Amino acid sequence: MLAFPSNEFGKQEPGTPAEIREFVQKTYGANFPIFEKLATRRGKGQHPVYAFLTAAHDEPNWNFTKFVVGRDGSVLRRFAPNVTPEDARLRAEIDAALARKP
């Protein structure tokens, strides 16, 4: 699990990387890497991570969009922001990805 914050959605991530990291750790119990803010939308300035993630999938339309990436590096599926980390569909997709041989 990796998190890439963005301030493109309602200016929800105005803080510094340290402030954002502290907020998501305290608020959501995040215990995974949280990177600096990135540009998610296509076009000039889009970060290469999001260019990769959205090459075959819709770009994020709000914070907390999730992408499942397989062991082989392929982007397997995109989940909307309203899909929680506990959602059975997301968990099943992650389990299936982990079960695939590299």
PDB file of N, CA and C in Angstrom:
ATOM      1  N   MET A   1       0.844  -1.157   0.000  1.00  0.00           N
ATOM      2  CA  MET A   1       0.000   0.000   0.000  1.00  0.00           C
ATOM      3  C   MET A   1       0.897   1.230   0.000  1.00  0.00           C
ATOM      4  N   LEU A   2       0.604   2.136  -0.915  1.00  0.00           N
ATOM      5  CA  LEU A   2       1.320   3.406  -1.020  1.00  0.00           C
ATOM      6  C   LEU A   2       0.285   4.506  -1.157  1.00  0.00           C
ATOM      7  N   ALA A   3       0.538   5.655  -0.581  1.00  0.00           N
ATOM      8  CA  ALA A   3      -0.389   6.782  -0.688  1.00  0.00           C
ATOM      9  C   ALA A   3       0.316   7.958  -1.345  1.00  0.00           C
ATOM     10  N   PHE A   4      -0.379   8.561  -2.314  1.00  0.00           N
ATOM     11  CA  PHE A   4       0.119   9.732  -3.018  1.00  0.00           C
ATOM     12  C   PHE A   4      -0.922  10.837  -2.884  1.00  0.00           C
ATOM     13  N   PRO A   5      -0.798  11.722  -1.891  1.00  0.00           N
ATOM     14  CA  PRO A   5      -1.777  12.788  -1.703  1.00  0.00           C
ATOM     15  C   PRO A   5      -1.824  13.745  -2.890  1.00  0.00           C
ATOM     16  N   SER A   6      -2.959  14.418  -3.012  1.00  0.00           N
ATOM     17  CA  SER A   6      -3.136  15.437  -4.037  1.00  0.00           C
ATOM     18  C   SER A   6      -3.943  16.582  -3.446  1.00  0.00           C
ATOM     19  N   ASN A   7      -3.624  17.771  -3.863  1.00  0.00           N
ATOM     20  CA  ASN A   7      -4.369  18.950  -3.408  1.00  0.00           C
ATOM     21  C   ASN A   7      -5.312  19.437  -4.503  1.00  0.00           C
ATOM     22  N   GLU A   8      -5.576  18.599  -5.495  1.00  0.00           N
ATOM     23  CA  GLU A   8      -6.401  18.982  -6.641  1.00  0.00           C
ATOM     24  C   GLU A   8      -7.897  18.814  -6.396  1.00  0.00           C
ATOM     25  N   PHE A   9      -8.276  18.270  -5.292  1.00  0.00           N
ATOM     26  CA  PHE A   9      -9.680  17.959  -5.040  1.00  0.00           C
ATOM     27  C   PHE A   9     -10.179  18.750  -3.840  1.00  0.00           C
ATOM     28  N   GLY A  10     -10.723  19.920  -4.087  1.00  0.00           N
ATOM     29  CA  GLY A  10     -11.254  20.732  -3.012  1.00  0.00           C
ATOM     30  C   GLY A  10     -10.198  21.269  -2.071  1.00  0.00           C
ATOM     31  N   LYS A  11      -8.938  21.267  -2.527  1.00  0.00           N
ATOM     32  CA  LYS A  11      -7.833  21.778  -1.704  1.00  0.00           C
ATOM     33  C   LYS A  11      -7.792  21.099  -0.332  1.00  0.00           C
ATOM     34  N   GLN A  12      -8.034  19.769  -0.308  1.00  0.00           N
ATOM     35  CA  GLN A  12      -8.074  19.011   0.942  1.00  0.00           C
ATOM     36  C   GLN A  12      -6.701  18.693   1.528  1.00  0.00           C
ATOM     37  N   GLU A  13      -5.654  18.883   0.761  1.00  0.00           N
ATOM     38  CA  GLU A  13      -4.307  18.534   1.228  1.00  0.00           C
ATOM     39  C   GLU A  13      -3.392  19.759   1.175  1.00  0.00           C
ATOM     40  N   PRO A  14      -3.715  20.833   1.906  1.00  0.00           N
ATOM     41  CA  PRO A  14      -2.907  22.041   1.809  1.00  0.00           C
ATOM     42  C   PRO A  14      -1.602  21.987   2.598  1.00  0.00           C
ATOM     43  N   GLY A  15      -1.446  21.031   3.469  1.00  0.00           N
ATOM     44  CA  GLY A  15      -0.294  21.001   4.375  1.00  0.00           C
ATOM     45  C   GLY A  15       0.997  20.554   3.740  1.00  0.00           C
ATOM     46  N   THR A  16       2.014  20.552   4.573  1.00  0.00           N
ATOM     47  CA  THR A  16       3.320  20.047   4.167  1.00  0.00           C
ATOM     48  C   THR A  16       3.255  18.513   4.145  1.00  0.00           C
ATOM     49  N   PRO A  17       4.220  17.863   3.531  1.00  0.00           N
ATOM     50  CA  PRO A  17       4.225  16.395   3.560  1.00  0.00           C
ATOM     51  C   PRO A  17       4.176  15.837   4.986  1.00  0.00           C
ATOM     52  N   ALA A  18       4.908  16.449   5.908  1.00  0.00           N
ATOM     53  CA  ALA A  18       4.911  15.972   7.302  1.00  0.00           C
ATOM     54  C   ALA A  18       3.534  16.149   7.943  1.00  0.00           C
ATOM     55  N   GLU A  19       2.876  17.267   7.685  1.00  0.00           N
ATOM     56  CA  GLU A  19       1.537  17.502   8.243  1.00  0.00           C
ATOM     57  C   GLU A  19       0.520  16.516   7.680  1.00  0.00           C
ATOM     58  N   ILE A  20       0.596  16.270   6.390  1.00  0.00           N
ATOM     59  CA  ILE A  20      -0.320  15.315   5.760  1.00  0.00           C
ATOM     60  C   ILE A  20      -0.099  13.923   6.336  1.00  0.00           C
ATOM     61  N   ARG A  21       1.149  13.518   6.434  1.00  0.00           N
ATOM     62  CA  ARG A  21       1.487  12.193   6.972  1.00  0.00           C
ATOM     63  C   ARG A  21       0.948  12.049   8.398  1.00  0.00           C
ATOM     64  N   GLU A  22       1.165  13.045   9.235  1.00  0.00           N
ATOM     65  CA  GLU A  22       0.691  12.996  10.615  1.00  0.00           C
ATOM     66  C   GLU A  22      -0.841  12.916  10.663  1.00  0.00           C
ATOM     67  N   PHE A  23      -1.513  13.698   9.813  1.00  0.00           N
ATOM     68  CA  PHE A  23      -2.973  13.702   9.789  1.00  0.00           C
ATOM     69  C   PHE A  23      -3.533  12.330   9.407  1.00  0.00           C
ATOM     70  N   VAL A  24      -3.028  11.729   8.329  1.00  0.00           N
ATOM     71  CA  VAL A  24      -3.595  10.448   7.898  1.00  0.00           C
ATOM     72  C   VAL A  24      -3.215   9.311   8.841  1.00  0.00           C
ATOM     73  N   GLN A  25      -2.082   9.431   9.498  1.00  0.00           N
ATOM     74  CA  GLN A  25      -1.727   8.406  10.479  1.00  0.00           C
ATOM     75  C   GLN A  25      -2.657   8.482  11.687  1.00  0.00           C
ATOM     76  N   LYS A  26      -2.915   9.690  12.170  1.00  0.00           N
ATOM     77  CA  LYS A  26      -3.796   9.857  13.336  1.00  0.00           C
ATOM     78  C   LYS A  26      -5.257   9.619  12.985  1.00  0.00           C
ATOM     79  N   THR A  27      -5.712  10.122  11.846  1.00  0.00           N
ATOM     80  CA  THR A  27      -7.129  10.063  11.480  1.00  0.00           C
ATOM     81  C   THR A  27      -7.543   8.702  10.944  1.00  0.00           C
ATOM     82  N   TYR A  28      -6.685   8.105  10.111  1.00  0.00           N
ATOM     83  CA  TYR A  28      -7.049   6.863   9.430  1.00  0.00           C
ATOM     84  C   TYR A  28      -6.203   5.663   9.860  1.00  0.00           C
ATOM     85  N   GLY A  29      -5.241   5.867  10.734  1.00  0.00           N
ATOM     86  CA  GLY A  29      -4.397   4.771  11.172  1.00  0.00           C
ATOM     87  C   GLY A  29      -3.466   4.269  10.087  1.00  0.00           C
ATOM     88  N   ALA A  30      -3.130   5.122   9.139  1.00  0.00           N
ATOM     89  CA  ALA A  30      -2.260   4.722   8.032  1.00  0.00           C
ATOM     90  C   ALA A  30      -0.889   4.308   8.567  1.00  0.00           C
ATOM     91  N   ASN A  31      -0.454   3.130   8.163  1.00  0.00           N
ATOM     92  CA  ASN A  31       0.859   2.634   8.578  1.00  0.00           C
ATOM     93  C   ASN A  31       1.658   2.188   7.355  1.00  0.00           C
ATOM     94  N   PHE A  32       1.496   2.917   6.273  1.00  0.00           N
ATOM     95  CA  PHE A  32       2.172   2.618   5.014  1.00  0.00           C
ATOM     96  C   PHE A  32       2.805   3.911   4.501  1.00  0.00           C
ATOM     97  N   PRO A  33       3.682   3.819   3.491  1.00  0.00           N
ATOM     98  CA  PRO A  33       4.354   5.017   2.996  1.00  0.00           C
ATOM     99  C   PRO A  33       3.372   6.048   2.433  1.00  0.00           C
ATOM    100  N   ILE A  34       3.554   7.285   2.848  1.00  0.00           N
ATOM    101  CA  ILE A  34       2.755   8.403   2.356  1.00  0.00           C
ATOM    102  C   ILE A  34       3.736   9.385   1.727  1.00  0.00           C
ATOM    103  N   PHE A  35       3.607   9.556   0.434  1.00  0.00           N
ATOM    104  CA  PHE A  35       4.550  10.360  -0.322  1.00  0.00           C
ATOM    105  C   PHE A  35       4.126  11.825  -0.361  1.00  0.00           C
ATOM    106  N   GLU A  36       4.912  12.654  -1.036  1.00  0.00           N
ATOM    107  CA  GLU A  36       4.556  14.059  -1.199  1.00  0.00           C
ATOM    108  C   GLU A  36       3.400  14.194  -2.179  1.00  0.00           C
ATOM    109  N   LYS A  37       2.756  15.356  -2.149  1.00  0.00           N
ATOM    110  CA  LYS A  37       1.631  15.630  -3.046  1.00  0.00           C
ATOM    111  C   LYS A  37       2.076  15.521  -4.500  1.00  0.00           C
ATOM    112  N   LEU A  38       1.184  14.960  -5.321  1.00  0.00           N
ATOM    113  CA  LEU A  38       1.453  14.794  -6.745  1.00  0.00           C
ATOM    114  C   LEU A  38       0.291  15.336  -7.560  1.00  0.00           C
ATOM    115  N   ALA A  39       0.576  15.722  -8.794  1.00  0.00           N
ATOM    116  CA  ALA A  39      -0.469  16.101  -9.739  1.00  0.00           C
ATOM    117  C   ALA A  39      -1.043  14.826 -10.348  1.00  0.00           C
ATOM    118  N   THR A  40      -2.345  14.654 -10.258  1.00  0.00           N
ATOM    119  CA  THR A  40      -2.977  13.416 -10.698  1.00  0.00           C
ATOM    120  C   THR A  40      -3.628  13.517 -12.072  1.00  0.00           C
ATOM    121  N   ARG A  41      -3.970  14.688 -12.488  1.00  0.00           N
ATOM    122  CA  ARG A  41      -4.771  14.858 -13.708  1.00  0.00           C
ATOM    123  C   ARG A  41      -3.899  14.867 -14.950  1.00  0.00           C
ATOM    124  N   ARG A  42      -4.475  14.310 -16.038  1.00  0.00           N
ATOM    125  CA  ARG A  42      -3.757  14.234 -17.309  1.00  0.00           C
ATOM    126  C   ARG A  42      -3.398  15.629 -17.805  1.00  0.00           C
ATOM    127  N   GLY A  43      -2.336  15.671 -18.550  1.00  0.00           N
ATOM    128  CA  GLY A  43      -1.900  16.934 -19.123  1.00  0.00           C
ATOM    129  C   GLY A  43      -0.581  17.369 -18.541  1.00  0.00           C
ATOM    130  N   LYS A  44      -0.231  18.599 -18.836  1.00  0.00           N
ATOM    131  CA  LYS A  44       1.045  19.150 -18.384  1.00  0.00           C
ATOM    132  C   LYS A  44       1.109  19.113 -16.864  1.00  0.00           C
ATOM    133  N   GLY A  45       2.160  18.556 -16.350  1.00  0.00           N
ATOM    134  CA  GLY A  45       2.356  18.515 -14.914  1.00  0.00           C
ATOM    135  C   GLY A  45       1.914  17.224 -14.241  1.00  0.00           C
ATOM    136  N   GLN A  46       1.193  16.351 -14.958  1.00  0.00           N
ATOM    137  CA  GLN A  46       0.774  15.094 -14.333  1.00  0.00           C
ATOM    138  C   GLN A  46       2.013  14.291 -13.961  1.00  0.00           C
ATOM    139  N   HIS A  47       2.038  13.827 -12.733  1.00  0.00           N
ATOM    140  CA  HIS A  47       3.184  13.046 -12.269  1.00  0.00           C
ATOM    141  C   HIS A  47       3.240  11.710 -13.013  1.00  0.00           C
ATOM    142  N   PRO A  48       4.443  11.208 -13.309  1.00  0.00           N
ATOM    143  CA  PRO A  48       4.573   9.931 -14.019  1.00  0.00           C
ATOM    144  C   PRO A  48       3.862   8.763 -13.328  1.00  0.00           C
ATOM    145  N   VAL A  49       3.782   8.775 -12.006  1.00  0.00           N
ATOM    146  CA  VAL A  49       3.055   7.703 -11.310  1.00  0.00           C
ATOM    147  C   VAL A  49       1.605   7.672 -11.786  1.00  0.00           C
ATOM    148  N   TYR A  50       0.981   8.840 -11.876  1.00  0.00           N
ATOM    149  CA  TYR A  50      -0.413   8.875 -12.299  1.00  0.00           C
ATOM    150  C   TYR A  50      -0.562   8.678 -13.803  1.00  0.00           C
ATOM    151  N   ALA A  51       0.432   9.067 -14.580  1.00  0.00           N
ATOM    152  CA  ALA A  51       0.394   8.759 -16.010  1.00  0.00           C
ATOM    153  C   ALA A  51       0.368   7.242 -16.194  1.00  0.00           C
ATOM    154  N   PHE A  52       1.166   6.541 -15.403  1.00  0.00           N
ATOM    155  CA  PHE A  52       1.196   5.077 -15.438  1.00  0.00           C
ATOM    156  C   PHE A  52      -0.135   4.486 -14.972  1.00  0.00           C
ATOM    157  N   LEU A  53      -0.623   4.944 -13.826  1.00  0.00           N
ATOM    158  CA  LEU A  53      -1.853   4.381 -13.263  1.00  0.00           C
ATOM    159  C   LEU A  53      -3.072   4.623 -14.148  1.00  0.00           C
ATOM    160  N   THR A  54      -3.098   5.749 -14.843  1.00  0.00           N
ATOM    161  CA  THR A  54      -4.288   6.113 -15.616  1.00  0.00           C
ATOM    162  C   THR A  54      -4.169   5.829 -17.107  1.00  0.00           C
ATOM    163  N   ALA A  55      -3.097   5.190 -17.526  1.00  0.00           N
ATOM    164  CA  ALA A  55      -2.936   4.891 -18.955  1.00  0.00           C
ATOM    165  C   ALA A  55      -4.112   4.061 -19.478  1.00  0.00           C
ATOM    166  N   ALA A  56      -4.616   3.139 -18.674  1.00  0.00           N
ATOM    167  CA  ALA A  56      -5.732   2.283 -19.095  1.00  0.00           C
ATOM    168  C   ALA A  56      -6.927   2.391 -18.149  1.00  0.00           C
ATOM    169  N   HIS A  57      -6.879   3.348 -17.237  1.00  0.00           N
ATOM    170  CA  HIS A  57      -7.958   3.516 -16.248  1.00  0.00           C
ATOM    171  C   HIS A  57      -8.281   4.998 -16.108  1.00  0.00           C
ATOM    172  N   ASP A  58      -9.482   5.286 -15.629  1.00  0.00           N
ATOM    173  CA  ASP A  58      -9.870   6.677 -15.408  1.00  0.00           C
ATOM    174  C   ASP A  58      -8.968   7.316 -14.367  1.00  0.00           C
ATOM    175  N   GLU A  59      -8.730   8.602 -14.547  1.00  0.00           N
ATOM    176  CA  GLU A  59      -7.936   9.325 -13.550  1.00  0.00           C
ATOM    177  C   GLU A  59      -8.780   9.534 -12.302  1.00  0.00           C
ATOM    178  N   PRO A  60      -8.139   9.820 -11.181  1.00  0.00           N
ATOM    179  CA  PRO A  60      -8.888  10.056  -9.952  1.00  0.00           C
ATOM    180  C   PRO A  60      -9.851  11.236 -10.116  1.00  0.00           C
ATOM    181  N   ASN A  61     -11.017  11.097  -9.539  1.00  0.00           N
ATOM    182  CA  ASN A  61     -11.971  12.197  -9.544  1.00  0.00           C
ATOM    183  C   ASN A  61     -12.149  12.777  -8.143  1.00  0.00           C
ATOM    184  N   TRP A  62     -11.437  12.213  -7.180  1.00  0.00           N
ATOM    185  CA  TRP A  62     -11.441  12.701  -5.805  1.00  0.00           C
ATOM    186  C   TRP A  62     -10.336  11.973  -5.047  1.00  0.00           C
ATOM    187  N   ASN A  63      -9.953  12.516  -3.898  1.00  0.00           N
ATOM    188  CA  ASN A  63      -8.970  11.835  -3.053  1.00  0.00           C
ATOM    189  C   ASN A  63      -9.484  10.446  -2.677  1.00  0.00           C
ATOM    190  N   PHE A  64      -8.594   9.581  -2.327  1.00  0.00           N
ATOM    191  CA  PHE A  64      -8.865   8.212  -1.891  1.00  0.00           C
ATOM    192  C   PHE A  64      -9.244   7.271  -3.030  1.00  0.00           C
ATOM    193  N   THR A  65      -8.977   7.652  -4.276  1.00  0.00           N
ATOM    194  CA  THR A  65      -9.097   6.707  -5.378  1.00  0.00           C
ATOM    195  C   THR A  65      -8.008   5.669  -5.172  1.00  0.00           C
ATOM    196  N   LYS A  66      -8.331   4.405  -5.459  1.00  0.00           N
ATOM    197  CA  LYS A  66      -7.386   3.317  -5.224  1.00  0.00           C
ATOM    198  C   LYS A  66      -7.107   2.569  -6.524  1.00  0.00           C
ATOM    199  N   PHE A  67      -5.859   2.176  -6.704  1.00  0.00           N
ATOM    200  CA  PHE A  67      -5.452   1.358  -7.841  1.00  0.00           C
ATOM    201  C   PHE A  67      -4.781   0.107  -7.297  1.00  0.00           C
ATOM    202  N   VAL A  68      -5.122  -1.037  -7.874  1.00  0.00           N
ATOM    203  CA  VAL A  68      -4.456  -2.283  -7.513  1.00  0.00           C
ATOM    204  C   VAL A  68      -3.479  -2.597  -8.641  1.00  0.00           C
ATOM    205  N   VAL A  69      -2.218  -2.761  -8.248  1.00  0.00           N
ATOM    206  CA  VAL A  69      -1.148  -3.052  -9.209  1.00  0.00           C
ATOM    207  C   VAL A  69      -0.643  -4.455  -8.934  1.00  0.00           C
ATOM    208  N   GLY A  70      -0.546  -5.251  -9.992  1.00  0.00           N
ATOM    209  CA  GLY A  70      -0.113  -6.635  -9.858  1.00  0.00           C
ATOM    210  C   GLY A  70       1.382  -6.768  -9.651  1.00  0.00           C
ATOM    211  N   ARG A  71       1.778  -7.962  -9.307  1.00  0.00           N
ATOM    212  CA  ARG A  71       3.209  -8.251  -9.105  1.00  0.00           C
ATOM    213  C   ARG A  71       4.036  -7.958 -10.350  1.00  0.00           C
ATOM    214  N   ASP A  72       3.395  -8.098 -11.515  1.00  0.00           N
ATOM    215  CA  ASP A  72       4.095  -7.859 -12.776  1.00  0.00           C
ATOM    216  C   ASP A  72       4.121  -6.384 -13.151  1.00  0.00           C
ATOM    217  N   GLY A  73       3.533  -5.530 -12.312  1.00  0.00           N
ATOM    218  CA  GLY A  73       3.538  -4.095 -12.567  1.00  0.00           C
ATOM    219  C   GLY A  73       2.349  -3.596 -13.352  1.00  0.00           C
ATOM    220  N   SER A  74       1.458  -4.485 -13.753  1.00  0.00           N
ATOM    221  CA  SER A  74       0.284  -4.039 -14.501  1.00  0.00           C
ATOM    222  C   SER A  74      -0.780  -3.491 -13.550  1.00  0.00           C
ATOM    223  N   VAL A  75      -1.477  -2.461 -14.005  1.00  0.00           N
ATOM    224  CA  VAL A  75      -2.557  -1.878 -13.210  1.00  0.00           C
ATOM    225  C   VAL A  75      -3.795  -2.733 -13.446  1.00  0.00           C
ATOM    226  N   LEU A  76      -4.229  -3.419 -12.406  1.00  0.00           N
ATOM    227  CA  LEU A  76      -5.307  -4.392 -12.538  1.00  0.00           C
ATOM    228  C   LEU A  76      -6.699  -3.774 -12.437  1.00  0.00           C
ATOM    229  N   ARG A  77      -6.847  -2.795 -11.547  1.00  0.00           N
ATOM    230  CA  ARG A  77      -8.185  -2.249 -11.343  1.00  0.00           C
ATOM    231  C   ARG A  77      -8.107  -0.922 -10.603  1.00  0.00           C
ATOM    232  N   ARG A  78      -9.092  -0.098 -10.867  1.00  0.00           N
ATOM    233  CA  ARG A  78      -9.258   1.186 -10.187  1.00  0.00           C
ATOM    234  C   ARG A  78     -10.519   1.104  -9.338  1.00  0.00           C
ATOM    235  N   PHE A  79     -10.431   1.624  -8.120  1.00  0.00           N
ATOM    236  CA  PHE A  79     -11.592   1.669  -7.232  1.00  0.00           C
ATOM    237  C   PHE A  79     -11.899   3.124  -6.901  1.00  0.00           C
ATOM    238  N   ALA A  80     -13.167   3.459  -6.890  1.00  0.00           N
ATOM    239  CA  ALA A  80     -13.621   4.817  -6.611  1.00  0.00           C
ATOM    240  C   ALA A  80     -13.320   5.209  -5.168  1.00  0.00           C
ATOM    241  N   PRO A  81     -13.297   6.512  -4.891  1.00  0.00           N
ATOM    242  CA  PRO A  81     -13.002   6.990  -3.540  1.00  0.00           C
ATOM    243  C   PRO A  81     -13.941   6.459  -2.461  1.00  0.00           C
ATOM    244  N   ASN A  82     -15.178   6.170  -2.812  1.00  0.00           N
ATOM    245  CA  ASN A  82     -16.126   5.701  -1.789  1.00  0.00           C
ATOM    246  C   ASN A  82     -15.939   4.229  -1.418  1.00  0.00           C
ATOM    247  N   VAL A  83     -15.053   3.531  -2.093  1.00  0.00           N
ATOM    248  CA  VAL A  83     -14.732   2.146  -1.732  1.00  0.00           C
ATOM    249  C   VAL A  83     -13.706   2.204  -0.606  1.00  0.00           C
ATOM    250  N   THR A  84     -14.071   1.694   0.544  1.00  0.00           N
ATOM    251  CA  THR A  84     -13.187   1.760   1.708  1.00  0.00           C
ATOM    252  C   THR A  84     -12.130   0.655   1.648  1.00  0.00           C
ATOM    253  N   PRO A  85     -11.047   0.814   2.399  1.00  0.00           N
ATOM    254  CA  PRO A  85     -10.031  -0.245   2.435  1.00  0.00           C
ATOM    255  C   PRO A  85     -10.576  -1.581   2.937  1.00  0.00           C
ATOM    256  N   GLU A  86     -11.661  -1.541   3.692  1.00  0.00           N
ATOM    257  CA  GLU A  86     -12.246  -2.775   4.223  1.00  0.00           C
ATOM    258  C   GLU A  86     -13.235  -3.433   3.254  1.00  0.00           C
ATOM    259  N   ASP A  87     -13.553  -2.778   2.148  1.00  0.00           N
ATOM    260  CA  ASP A  87     -14.537  -3.283   1.196  1.00  0.00           C
ATOM    261  C   ASP A  87     -14.133  -4.667   0.673  1.00  0.00           C
ATOM    262  N   ALA A  88     -15.079  -5.588   0.663  1.00  0.00           N
ATOM    263  CA  ALA A  88     -14.796  -6.968   0.236  1.00  0.00           C
ATOM    264  C   ALA A  88     -14.307  -7.038  -1.202  1.00  0.00           C
ATOM    265  N   ARG A  89     -14.803  -6.170  -2.073  1.00  0.00           N
ATOM    266  CA  ARG A  89     -14.370  -6.188  -3.476  1.00  0.00           C
ATOM    267  C   ARG A  89     -12.897  -5.800  -3.601  1.00  0.00           C
ATOM    268  N   LEU A  90     -12.504  -4.783  -2.868  1.00  0.00           N
ATOM    269  CA  LEU A  90     -11.102  -4.358  -2.899  1.00  0.00           C
ATOM    270  C   LEU A  90     -10.208  -5.434  -2.296  1.00  0.00           C
ATOM    271  N   ARG A  91     -10.619  -5.969  -1.157  1.00  0.00           N
ATOM    272  CA  ARG A  91      -9.837  -7.034  -0.504  1.00  0.00           C
ATOM    273  C   ARG A  91      -9.686  -8.245  -1.413  1.00  0.00           C
ATOM    274  N   ALA A  92     -10.765  -8.617  -2.110  1.00  0.00           N
ATOM    275  CA  ALA A  92     -10.719  -9.772  -3.011  1.00  0.00           C
ATOM    276  C   ALA A  92      -9.761  -9.516  -4.169  1.00  0.00           C
ATOM    277  N   GLU A  93      -9.763  -8.300  -4.692  1.00  0.00           N
ATOM    278  CA  GLU A  93      -8.862  -7.952  -5.794  1.00  0.00           C
ATOM    279  C   GLU A  93      -7.400  -8.004  -5.336  1.00  0.00           C
ATOM    280  N   ILE A  94      -7.139  -7.510  -4.144  1.00  0.00           N
ATOM    281  CA  ILE A  94      -5.772  -7.556  -3.598  1.00  0.00           C
ATOM    282  C   ILE A  94      -5.342  -8.998  -3.364  1.00  0.00           C
ATOM    283  N   ASP A  95      -6.226  -9.795  -2.765  1.00  0.00           N
ATOM    284  CA  ASP A  95      -5.899 -11.210  -2.518  1.00  0.00           C
ATOM    285  C   ASP A  95      -5.616 -11.945  -3.822  1.00  0.00           C
ATOM    286  N   ALA A  96      -6.434 -11.687  -4.849  1.00  0.00           N
ATOM    287  CA  ALA A  96      -6.235 -12.333  -6.143  1.00  0.00           C
ATOM    288  C   ALA A  96      -4.903 -11.904  -6.764  1.00  0.00           C
ATOM    289  N   ALA A  97      -4.566 -10.626  -6.639  1.00  0.00           N
ATOM    290  CA  ALA A  97      -3.295 -10.137  -7.172  1.00  0.00           C
ATOM    291  C   ALA A  97      -2.117 -10.777  -6.463  1.00  0.00           C
ATOM    292  N   LEU A  98      -2.213 -10.905  -5.156  1.00  0.00           N
ATOM    293  CA  LEU A  98      -1.131 -11.524  -4.390  1.00  0.00           C
ATOM    294  C   LEU A  98      -0.986 -13.014  -4.696  1.00  0.00           C
ATOM    295  N   ALA A  99      -2.090 -13.664  -5.064  1.00  0.00           N
ATOM    296  CA  ALA A  99      -2.065 -15.099  -5.342  1.00  0.00           C
ATOM    297  C   ALA A  99      -1.469 -15.406  -6.722  1.00  0.00           C
ATOM    298  N   ARG A 100      -1.456 -14.417  -7.618  1.00  0.00           N
ATOM    299  CA  ARG A 100      -0.902 -14.635  -8.954  1.00  0.00           C
ATOM    300  C   ARG A 100       0.604 -14.808  -8.863  1.00  0.00           C
ATOM    301  N   LYS A 101       1.108 -15.721  -9.669  1.00  0.00           N
ATOM    302  CA  LYS A 101       2.551 -15.918  -9.712  1.00  0.00           C
ATOM    303  C   LYS A 101       3.199 -14.787 -10.498  1.00  0.00           C
ATOM    304  N   PRO A 102       4.365 -14.341 -10.035  1.00  0.00           N
ATOM    305  CA  PRO A 102       5.041 -13.236 -10.736  1.00  0.00           C
ATOM    306  C   PRO A 102       5.485 -13.625 -12.143  1.00  0.00           C
TER     307      PRO A 102
END
